[in-house]
Every structure is written in structure tokens, then in C-alpha cells.
């Protein structure tokens, strides 16, 4: 729960900044009292890479997803992802793909510790570039084009 994480950060005076993306302003007022929270509403495709690069780790607390593209977008930007055991987070983790981790325990202190751990692992520019290169190579447009070409040629 993102609100519980905000409360934990504030109560413990931890050094953190949460940058949140939302499609609409619903529930925005829940986060307005926190000085360390920045809310971005209605980002367009042209600004997403810059948005992802504002952070060290993307926290994806969704409880219900298909195979969400937001996880791949963050990874392609060189930003590791921590999320619940659903959708792309679950799929990529089960394959042993780099830079993605599942929330171990849904307690704010545990989530914060995991976020800090991922941030430390992927703290250097080289590590972020390596993550970007891996996902661009394996999940980028060229990879999908090649896979589609293979499938269509074998019909």
C-alpha cells in the first residue's frame, strides 16, 4: 500500500522521494500532505522515459494486472522494478530476468528495504545501461519484429 509506505517514510524521517504517475487526479489529495511526494497526472508517451529516469527504482504495487507494459518501459529505461507477484513482474521474475523483484512482505519497512536494496544494486550508470541494453535487445521493437516474422513465416 503506497499510503502506508508514505506514512512509514514520514514517521521515520527517511530520505526518499516518491514520484507517482497517475492517469487521473482521483485520490491525489491523499498524498498532498507529504513534501517528498510528487504526483504526475496524465503523462504522454513522449515524456515517459524522462519520468522513469527521475527514479532509482519503480515500485509497482498493483494487485491485478495482465502483462503490464509499464514494467518493461521502466526496465528499458534502465530502472529496476519492485512489484507484487502479478503480471509482467511475476513473469519476468519467474524467468530469472534481471532488474525485477517481487515484494517479499507487504509491510512498509520491508518494501522500503527492498527498494533501497534494488537502488543500491543498480546505482551506477553502467548497471543502468546494462539493464537498458538487456531489455532493449530482448524485448524491444526489433526483438518483437523478429519474433513476429518467425511466427508468420511458420504458419
N, C-alpha and C. Protein backbone atom coordinates (compact mmCIF):
# COMPACT_ATOMS: atom_id res chain seq x y z
N UNK A 1 0.84 -1.17 0.00
CA UNK A 1 0.00 0.00 0.00
C UNK A 1 0.89 1.24 0.00
N UNK A 2 0.74 2.05 -1.00
CA UNK A 2 1.61 3.22 -1.18
C UNK A 2 1.41 4.25 -0.06
N UNK A 3 0.20 4.37 0.44
CA UNK A 3 -0.08 5.32 1.53
C UNK A 3 0.67 4.90 2.79
N UNK A 4 0.67 3.61 3.11
CA UNK A 4 1.39 3.10 4.28
C UNK A 4 2.89 3.34 4.12
N UNK A 5 3.40 3.19 2.91
CA UNK A 5 4.81 3.45 2.65
C UNK A 5 5.12 4.93 2.89
N UNK A 6 4.25 5.82 2.43
CA UNK A 6 4.44 7.25 2.66
C UNK A 6 4.46 7.57 4.15
N UNK A 7 3.52 6.99 4.90
CA UNK A 7 3.47 7.21 6.35
C UNK A 7 4.76 6.72 7.01
N UNK A 8 5.22 5.55 6.59
CA UNK A 8 6.45 4.99 7.16
C UNK A 8 7.65 5.90 6.89
N UNK A 9 7.77 6.39 5.67
CA UNK A 9 8.88 7.29 5.31
C UNK A 9 8.82 8.56 6.15
N UNK A 10 7.62 9.12 6.28
CA UNK A 10 7.47 10.36 7.05
C UNK A 10 7.73 10.15 8.54
N UNK A 11 7.15 9.11 9.11
CA UNK A 11 7.29 8.85 10.55
C UNK A 11 8.74 8.58 10.94
N UNK A 12 9.50 7.98 10.04
CA UNK A 12 10.88 7.63 10.34
C UNK A 12 11.88 8.64 9.77
N UNK A 13 11.36 9.72 9.19
CA UNK A 13 12.18 10.78 8.62
C UNK A 13 13.27 10.23 7.69
N UNK A 14 12.85 9.32 6.83
CA UNK A 14 13.77 8.68 5.90
C UNK A 14 13.99 9.58 4.69
N UNK A 15 15.16 9.45 4.12
CA UNK A 15 15.47 10.23 2.92
C UNK A 15 14.89 9.48 1.71
N UNK A 16 13.86 10.04 1.14
CA UNK A 16 13.23 9.41 -0.02
C UNK A 16 12.39 10.45 -0.75
N UNK A 17 12.20 10.19 -2.02
CA UNK A 17 11.27 10.97 -2.81
C UNK A 17 10.47 9.98 -3.64
N UNK A 18 9.17 10.06 -3.54
CA UNK A 18 8.31 9.20 -4.33
C UNK A 18 7.72 10.02 -5.46
N UNK A 19 7.91 9.55 -6.67
CA UNK A 19 7.38 10.22 -7.85
C UNK A 19 6.31 9.30 -8.42
N UNK A 20 5.08 9.75 -8.38
CA UNK A 20 3.93 8.92 -8.73
C UNK A 20 3.35 9.36 -10.06
N UNK A 21 3.01 8.40 -10.91
CA UNK A 21 2.30 8.67 -12.16
C UNK A 21 0.88 8.15 -12.00
N UNK A 22 -0.07 8.95 -12.47
CA UNK A 22 -1.48 8.55 -12.41
C UNK A 22 -2.18 9.01 -13.68
N UNK A 23 -3.18 8.25 -14.08
CA UNK A 23 -3.96 8.61 -15.26
C UNK A 23 -4.91 9.76 -14.98
N UNK A 24 -5.36 9.87 -13.72
CA UNK A 24 -6.33 10.90 -13.36
C UNK A 24 -6.04 11.38 -11.94
N UNK A 25 -6.67 12.48 -11.53
CA UNK A 25 -6.37 13.05 -10.20
C UNK A 25 -7.12 12.40 -9.04
N UNK A 26 -7.84 11.30 -9.27
CA UNK A 26 -8.55 10.64 -8.17
C UNK A 26 -7.57 10.27 -7.06
N UNK A 27 -7.92 10.57 -5.85
CA UNK A 27 -7.14 10.27 -4.65
C UNK A 27 -5.86 11.09 -4.52
N UNK A 28 -5.66 12.06 -5.35
CA UNK A 28 -4.46 12.91 -5.26
C UNK A 28 -4.33 13.54 -3.88
N UNK A 29 -5.48 13.92 -3.30
CA UNK A 29 -5.48 14.59 -2.00
C UNK A 29 -4.88 13.72 -0.89
N UNK A 30 -4.85 12.40 -1.08
CA UNK A 30 -4.26 11.51 -0.08
C UNK A 30 -2.76 11.74 0.09
N UNK A 31 -2.13 12.30 -0.93
CA UNK A 31 -0.68 12.44 -0.92
C UNK A 31 -0.20 13.89 -0.83
N UNK A 32 -1.11 14.83 -0.81
CA UNK A 32 -0.73 16.24 -0.84
C UNK A 32 -0.02 16.71 0.42
N UNK A 33 -0.20 16.04 1.52
CA UNK A 33 0.44 16.47 2.77
C UNK A 33 1.92 16.06 2.88
N UNK A 34 2.34 15.19 1.98
CA UNK A 34 3.72 14.71 2.03
C UNK A 34 4.62 15.59 1.16
N UNK A 35 5.64 16.16 1.75
CA UNK A 35 6.55 17.03 0.99
C UNK A 35 7.46 16.24 0.06
N UNK A 36 7.60 14.94 0.29
CA UNK A 36 8.51 14.11 -0.50
C UNK A 36 7.80 13.36 -1.64
N UNK A 37 6.52 13.68 -1.88
CA UNK A 37 5.76 13.03 -2.94
C UNK A 37 5.50 14.02 -4.07
N UNK A 38 5.78 13.59 -5.29
CA UNK A 38 5.48 14.36 -6.50
C UNK A 38 4.51 13.54 -7.34
N UNK A 39 3.38 14.13 -7.69
CA UNK A 39 2.38 13.40 -8.46
C UNK A 39 2.33 13.97 -9.88
N UNK A 40 2.43 13.08 -10.86
CA UNK A 40 2.35 13.45 -12.27
C UNK A 40 1.08 12.82 -12.84
N UNK A 41 0.21 13.64 -13.37
CA UNK A 41 -1.08 13.15 -13.88
C UNK A 41 -1.12 13.26 -15.39
N UNK A 42 -1.53 12.16 -16.03
CA UNK A 42 -1.75 12.16 -17.47
C UNK A 42 -0.50 12.34 -18.31
N UNK A 43 0.57 11.65 -17.96
CA UNK A 43 1.80 11.73 -18.75
C UNK A 43 1.55 11.16 -20.14
N UNK A 44 2.15 11.79 -21.15
CA UNK A 44 2.01 11.25 -22.51
C UNK A 44 3.23 10.41 -22.86
N UNK A 45 3.13 9.66 -23.93
CA UNK A 45 4.19 8.73 -24.32
C UNK A 45 5.54 9.43 -24.51
N UNK A 46 5.53 10.66 -24.94
CA UNK A 46 6.76 11.39 -25.19
C UNK A 46 7.53 11.77 -23.93
N UNK A 47 6.88 11.73 -22.78
CA UNK A 47 7.55 12.13 -21.54
C UNK A 47 7.83 10.95 -20.60
N UNK A 48 7.43 9.75 -21.00
CA UNK A 48 7.57 8.61 -20.10
C UNK A 48 9.02 8.26 -19.78
N UNK A 49 9.91 8.27 -20.76
CA UNK A 49 11.30 7.91 -20.49
C UNK A 49 11.91 8.87 -19.48
N UNK A 50 11.65 10.16 -19.65
CA UNK A 50 12.15 11.15 -18.69
C UNK A 50 11.55 10.90 -17.31
N UNK A 51 10.26 10.54 -17.27
CA UNK A 51 9.62 10.23 -15.99
C UNK A 51 10.32 9.05 -15.31
N UNK A 52 10.52 7.95 -16.04
CA UNK A 52 11.16 6.78 -15.45
C UNK A 52 12.56 7.12 -14.94
N UNK A 53 13.28 7.95 -15.66
CA UNK A 53 14.64 8.28 -15.27
C UNK A 53 14.73 9.25 -14.09
N UNK A 54 13.60 9.73 -13.61
CA UNK A 54 13.58 10.54 -12.38
C UNK A 54 13.85 9.67 -11.16
N UNK A 55 13.61 8.37 -11.31
CA UNK A 55 13.70 7.49 -10.14
C UNK A 55 14.84 6.50 -10.21
N UNK A 56 15.14 5.93 -9.07
CA UNK A 56 16.15 4.88 -8.98
C UNK A 56 15.53 3.50 -9.13
N UNK A 57 14.27 3.37 -8.68
CA UNK A 57 13.55 2.11 -8.74
C UNK A 57 12.08 2.44 -8.98
N UNK A 58 11.42 1.61 -9.79
CA UNK A 58 9.99 1.77 -9.95
C UNK A 58 9.29 0.78 -9.02
N UNK A 59 8.41 1.30 -8.18
CA UNK A 59 7.61 0.46 -7.29
C UNK A 59 6.24 0.33 -7.93
N UNK A 60 5.83 -0.90 -8.18
CA UNK A 60 4.57 -1.18 -8.86
C UNK A 60 3.69 -2.02 -7.94
N UNK A 61 2.89 -1.36 -7.07
CA UNK A 61 2.13 -2.10 -6.07
C UNK A 61 0.78 -2.64 -6.53
N UNK A 62 0.53 -2.66 -7.81
CA UNK A 62 -0.76 -3.12 -8.32
C UNK A 62 -1.04 -4.55 -7.85
N UNK A 63 -2.32 -4.83 -7.61
CA UNK A 63 -2.73 -6.16 -7.17
C UNK A 63 -3.31 -7.00 -8.30
N UNK A 64 -3.71 -6.35 -9.40
CA UNK A 64 -4.33 -7.06 -10.52
C UNK A 64 -3.80 -6.48 -11.82
N UNK A 65 -3.16 -7.29 -12.63
CA UNK A 65 -2.64 -6.85 -13.93
C UNK A 65 -2.58 -8.02 -14.88
N UNK A 66 -2.57 -7.68 -16.16
CA UNK A 66 -2.25 -8.67 -17.17
C UNK A 66 -0.73 -8.65 -17.29
N UNK A 67 -0.22 -8.44 -18.47
CA UNK A 67 1.21 -8.26 -18.67
C UNK A 67 1.39 -6.77 -18.94
N UNK A 68 1.57 -6.01 -17.88
CA UNK A 68 1.63 -4.55 -17.97
C UNK A 68 2.91 -4.08 -18.67
N UNK A 69 2.74 -3.14 -19.57
CA UNK A 69 3.88 -2.60 -20.31
C UNK A 69 4.72 -1.65 -19.47
N UNK A 70 4.15 -1.08 -18.42
CA UNK A 70 4.86 -0.12 -17.59
C UNK A 70 6.13 -0.74 -17.00
N UNK A 71 6.08 -2.02 -16.68
CA UNK A 71 7.26 -2.70 -16.14
C UNK A 71 8.36 -2.77 -17.19
N UNK A 72 8.02 -3.19 -18.39
CA UNK A 72 9.03 -3.24 -19.46
C UNK A 72 9.54 -1.84 -19.82
N UNK A 73 8.65 -0.85 -19.80
CA UNK A 73 9.08 0.52 -20.12
C UNK A 73 10.12 1.00 -19.11
N UNK A 74 9.88 0.76 -17.83
CA UNK A 74 10.85 1.16 -16.81
C UNK A 74 12.18 0.43 -16.99
N UNK A 75 12.10 -0.89 -17.20
CA UNK A 75 13.32 -1.68 -17.38
C UNK A 75 14.11 -1.23 -18.61
N UNK A 76 13.39 -0.92 -19.68
CA UNK A 76 14.06 -0.43 -20.90
C UNK A 76 14.70 0.93 -20.68
N UNK A 77 14.21 1.67 -19.69
CA UNK A 77 14.82 2.96 -19.35
C UNK A 77 16.00 2.76 -18.38
N UNK A 78 16.27 1.49 -18.02
CA UNK A 78 17.38 1.20 -17.11
C UNK A 78 17.01 1.31 -15.65
N UNK A 79 15.71 1.27 -15.36
CA UNK A 79 15.22 1.42 -13.99
C UNK A 79 14.67 0.08 -13.50
N UNK A 80 15.23 -0.47 -12.42
CA UNK A 80 14.73 -1.74 -11.90
C UNK A 80 13.32 -1.58 -11.33
N UNK A 81 12.62 -2.70 -11.20
CA UNK A 81 11.21 -2.69 -10.79
C UNK A 81 10.99 -3.63 -9.60
N UNK A 82 10.26 -3.12 -8.62
CA UNK A 82 9.79 -3.93 -7.49
C UNK A 82 8.28 -3.91 -7.55
N UNK A 83 7.66 -5.09 -7.55
CA UNK A 83 6.21 -5.15 -7.63
C UNK A 83 5.65 -6.40 -7.00
N UNK A 84 4.34 -6.47 -6.99
CA UNK A 84 3.66 -7.66 -6.47
C UNK A 84 3.79 -8.81 -7.47
N UNK A 85 3.50 -10.01 -7.01
CA UNK A 85 3.67 -11.22 -7.80
C UNK A 85 2.52 -11.39 -8.80
N UNK A 86 2.44 -10.46 -9.74
CA UNK A 86 1.39 -10.47 -10.76
C UNK A 86 1.98 -9.97 -12.08
N UNK A 87 1.28 -10.22 -13.16
CA UNK A 87 1.62 -9.66 -14.46
C UNK A 87 3.06 -9.85 -14.90
N UNK A 88 3.61 -8.80 -15.49
CA UNK A 88 4.98 -8.85 -16.02
C UNK A 88 6.00 -9.06 -14.92
N UNK A 89 5.77 -8.48 -13.75
CA UNK A 89 6.70 -8.66 -12.62
C UNK A 89 6.83 -10.16 -12.31
N UNK A 90 5.72 -10.84 -12.22
CA UNK A 90 5.71 -12.28 -11.93
C UNK A 90 6.38 -13.06 -13.06
N UNK A 91 5.98 -12.76 -14.29
CA UNK A 91 6.51 -13.47 -15.46
C UNK A 91 8.02 -13.29 -15.60
N UNK A 92 8.48 -12.07 -15.51
CA UNK A 92 9.91 -11.80 -15.69
C UNK A 92 10.73 -12.38 -14.55
N UNK A 93 10.22 -12.31 -13.34
CA UNK A 93 10.93 -12.89 -12.19
C UNK A 93 11.03 -14.40 -12.32
N UNK A 94 9.94 -15.03 -12.76
CA UNK A 94 9.96 -16.50 -12.90
C UNK A 94 10.95 -16.95 -13.96
N UNK A 95 11.23 -16.09 -14.93
CA UNK A 95 12.23 -16.40 -15.97
C UNK A 95 13.65 -16.06 -15.53
N UNK A 96 13.80 -15.43 -14.38
CA UNK A 96 15.12 -15.04 -13.90
C UNK A 96 15.68 -13.82 -14.61
N UNK A 97 14.80 -12.99 -15.16
CA UNK A 97 15.25 -11.79 -15.86
C UNK A 97 15.83 -10.79 -14.86
N UNK A 98 16.81 -10.00 -15.27
CA UNK A 98 17.46 -9.06 -14.34
C UNK A 98 16.61 -7.82 -14.05
N UNK A 99 16.86 -7.23 -12.88
CA UNK A 99 16.29 -5.93 -12.56
C UNK A 99 14.86 -5.91 -12.10
N UNK A 100 14.27 -7.07 -11.87
CA UNK A 100 12.88 -7.12 -11.43
C UNK A 100 12.78 -8.02 -10.21
N UNK A 101 12.03 -7.56 -9.20
CA UNK A 101 11.90 -8.32 -7.95
C UNK A 101 10.46 -8.24 -7.45
N UNK A 102 10.09 -9.26 -6.71
CA UNK A 102 8.75 -9.35 -6.13
C UNK A 102 8.80 -8.89 -4.68
N UNK A 103 7.79 -8.12 -4.27
CA UNK A 103 7.67 -7.68 -2.89
C UNK A 103 7.62 -8.92 -2.00
N UNK A 104 8.55 -9.02 -1.06
CA UNK A 104 8.62 -10.19 -0.18
C UNK A 104 7.55 -10.17 0.90
N UNK A 105 7.32 -9.01 1.46
CA UNK A 105 6.35 -8.89 2.53
C UNK A 105 5.74 -7.50 2.45
N UNK A 106 4.43 -7.42 2.45
CA UNK A 106 3.73 -6.14 2.26
C UNK A 106 3.66 -5.32 3.54
N UNK A 107 4.83 -5.06 4.11
CA UNK A 107 4.95 -4.17 5.27
C UNK A 107 5.84 -3.02 4.81
N UNK A 108 5.47 -1.78 5.15
CA UNK A 108 6.21 -0.62 4.63
C UNK A 108 7.71 -0.69 4.86
N UNK A 109 8.15 -1.14 6.03
CA UNK A 109 9.59 -1.20 6.30
C UNK A 109 10.29 -2.22 5.40
N UNK A 110 9.59 -3.32 5.09
CA UNK A 110 10.17 -4.35 4.21
C UNK A 110 10.21 -3.85 2.76
N UNK A 111 9.15 -3.19 2.32
CA UNK A 111 9.11 -2.64 0.97
C UNK A 111 10.21 -1.59 0.82
N UNK A 112 10.33 -0.71 1.79
CA UNK A 112 11.37 0.32 1.75
C UNK A 112 12.76 -0.31 1.67
N UNK A 113 13.00 -1.35 2.47
CA UNK A 113 14.30 -2.03 2.46
C UNK A 113 14.57 -2.65 1.09
N UNK A 114 13.56 -3.25 0.48
CA UNK A 114 13.75 -3.83 -0.86
C UNK A 114 14.02 -2.75 -1.91
N UNK A 115 13.30 -1.64 -1.80
CA UNK A 115 13.54 -0.53 -2.73
C UNK A 115 14.97 -0.02 -2.61
N UNK A 116 15.44 0.14 -1.39
CA UNK A 116 16.81 0.61 -1.17
C UNK A 116 17.83 -0.40 -1.68
N UNK A 117 17.55 -1.68 -1.50
CA UNK A 117 18.45 -2.72 -1.97
C UNK A 117 18.56 -2.70 -3.50
N UNK A 118 17.42 -2.62 -4.19
CA UNK A 118 17.44 -2.55 -5.66
C UNK A 118 18.14 -1.28 -6.13
N UNK A 119 17.90 -0.19 -5.43
CA UNK A 119 18.53 1.08 -5.78
C UNK A 119 20.05 0.97 -5.68
N UNK A 120 20.52 0.28 -4.66
CA UNK A 120 21.96 0.10 -4.46
C UNK A 120 22.56 -0.81 -5.54
N UNK A 121 21.86 -1.88 -5.86
CA UNK A 121 22.36 -2.82 -6.88
C UNK A 121 22.49 -2.14 -8.23
N UNK A 122 21.53 -1.29 -8.57
CA UNK A 122 21.52 -0.61 -9.87
C UNK A 122 21.83 0.87 -9.73
N UNK A 123 22.84 1.18 -8.93
CA UNK A 123 23.16 2.58 -8.65
C UNK A 123 24.08 3.22 -9.70
N UNK A 124 24.87 2.42 -10.38
CA UNK A 124 25.83 3.02 -11.33
C UNK A 124 25.21 3.17 -12.72
N UNK A 125 25.78 4.10 -13.44
CA UNK A 125 25.33 4.33 -14.81
C UNK A 125 25.54 3.08 -15.66
N UNK A 126 26.65 2.37 -15.44
CA UNK A 126 26.93 1.14 -16.20
C UNK A 126 25.87 0.07 -15.93
N UNK A 127 25.44 -0.06 -14.68
CA UNK A 127 24.42 -1.05 -14.33
C UNK A 127 23.08 -0.69 -14.97
N UNK A 128 22.75 0.60 -14.95
CA UNK A 128 21.50 1.04 -15.58
C UNK A 128 21.57 0.85 -17.09
N UNK A 129 22.70 1.16 -17.70
CA UNK A 129 22.87 0.95 -19.14
C UNK A 129 22.79 -0.52 -19.50
N UNK A 130 23.35 -1.37 -18.66
CA UNK A 130 23.30 -2.81 -18.90
C UNK A 130 21.86 -3.31 -18.85
N UNK A 131 21.10 -2.82 -17.90
CA UNK A 131 19.69 -3.18 -17.78
C UNK A 131 18.93 -2.71 -19.02
N UNK A 132 19.17 -1.48 -19.41
CA UNK A 132 18.54 -0.94 -20.63
C UNK A 132 18.88 -1.80 -21.84
N UNK A 133 20.16 -2.08 -22.03
CA UNK A 133 20.59 -2.86 -23.20
C UNK A 133 19.95 -4.24 -23.22
N UNK A 134 19.89 -4.89 -22.06
CA UNK A 134 19.31 -6.23 -21.98
C UNK A 134 17.85 -6.21 -22.44
N UNK A 135 17.08 -5.29 -21.90
CA UNK A 135 15.64 -5.25 -22.23
C UNK A 135 15.39 -4.71 -23.63
N UNK A 136 16.20 -3.79 -24.09
CA UNK A 136 16.04 -3.30 -25.46
C UNK A 136 16.33 -4.43 -26.45
N UNK A 137 17.34 -5.23 -26.15
CA UNK A 137 17.70 -6.35 -27.03
C UNK A 137 16.65 -7.45 -27.01
N UNK A 138 16.17 -7.81 -25.83
CA UNK A 138 15.27 -8.95 -25.69
C UNK A 138 13.78 -8.63 -25.77
N UNK A 139 13.42 -7.36 -25.56
CA UNK A 139 12.00 -7.01 -25.54
C UNK A 139 11.68 -5.76 -26.36
N UNK A 140 12.65 -5.23 -27.06
CA UNK A 140 12.43 -4.03 -27.86
C UNK A 140 11.71 -4.32 -29.17
N UNK A 141 11.50 -3.28 -29.95
CA UNK A 141 10.77 -3.41 -31.21
C UNK A 141 11.42 -4.41 -32.16
N UNK A 142 12.73 -4.39 -32.25
CA UNK A 142 13.42 -5.32 -33.16
C UNK A 142 13.23 -6.77 -32.73
N UNK A 143 13.25 -7.01 -31.42
CA UNK A 143 13.03 -8.38 -30.92
C UNK A 143 11.62 -8.85 -31.28
N UNK A 144 10.63 -7.99 -31.10
CA UNK A 144 9.26 -8.37 -31.45
C UNK A 144 9.08 -8.52 -32.95
N UNK A 145 9.70 -7.66 -33.71
CA UNK A 145 9.62 -7.75 -35.17
C UNK A 145 10.18 -9.10 -35.62
N UNK A 146 11.30 -9.49 -35.07
CA UNK A 146 11.93 -10.75 -35.42
C UNK A 146 11.05 -11.94 -35.02
N UNK A 147 10.46 -11.87 -33.84
CA UNK A 147 9.58 -12.95 -33.37
C UNK A 147 8.33 -13.06 -34.23
N UNK A 148 7.75 -11.92 -34.58
CA UNK A 148 6.57 -11.93 -35.44
C UNK A 148 6.89 -12.49 -36.81
N UNK A 149 8.03 -12.08 -37.35
CA UNK A 149 8.47 -12.56 -38.66
C UNK A 149 8.62 -14.08 -38.62
N UNK A 150 9.21 -14.60 -37.55
CA UNK A 150 9.38 -16.04 -37.39
C UNK A 150 8.02 -16.76 -37.33
N UNK A 151 7.12 -16.24 -36.51
CA UNK A 151 5.79 -16.86 -36.37
C UNK A 151 5.04 -16.83 -37.68
N UNK A 152 5.03 -15.69 -38.35
CA UNK A 152 4.29 -15.56 -39.60
C UNK A 152 4.88 -16.41 -40.72
N UNK A 153 6.19 -16.60 -40.71
CA UNK A 153 6.80 -17.42 -41.75
C UNK A 153 6.58 -18.92 -41.52
N UNK A 154 6.14 -19.28 -40.32
CA UNK A 154 5.91 -20.69 -39.99
C UNK A 154 4.43 -21.05 -39.92
N UNK A 155 3.59 -20.22 -40.49
CA UNK A 155 2.14 -20.51 -40.49
C UNK A 155 1.81 -21.39 -41.67
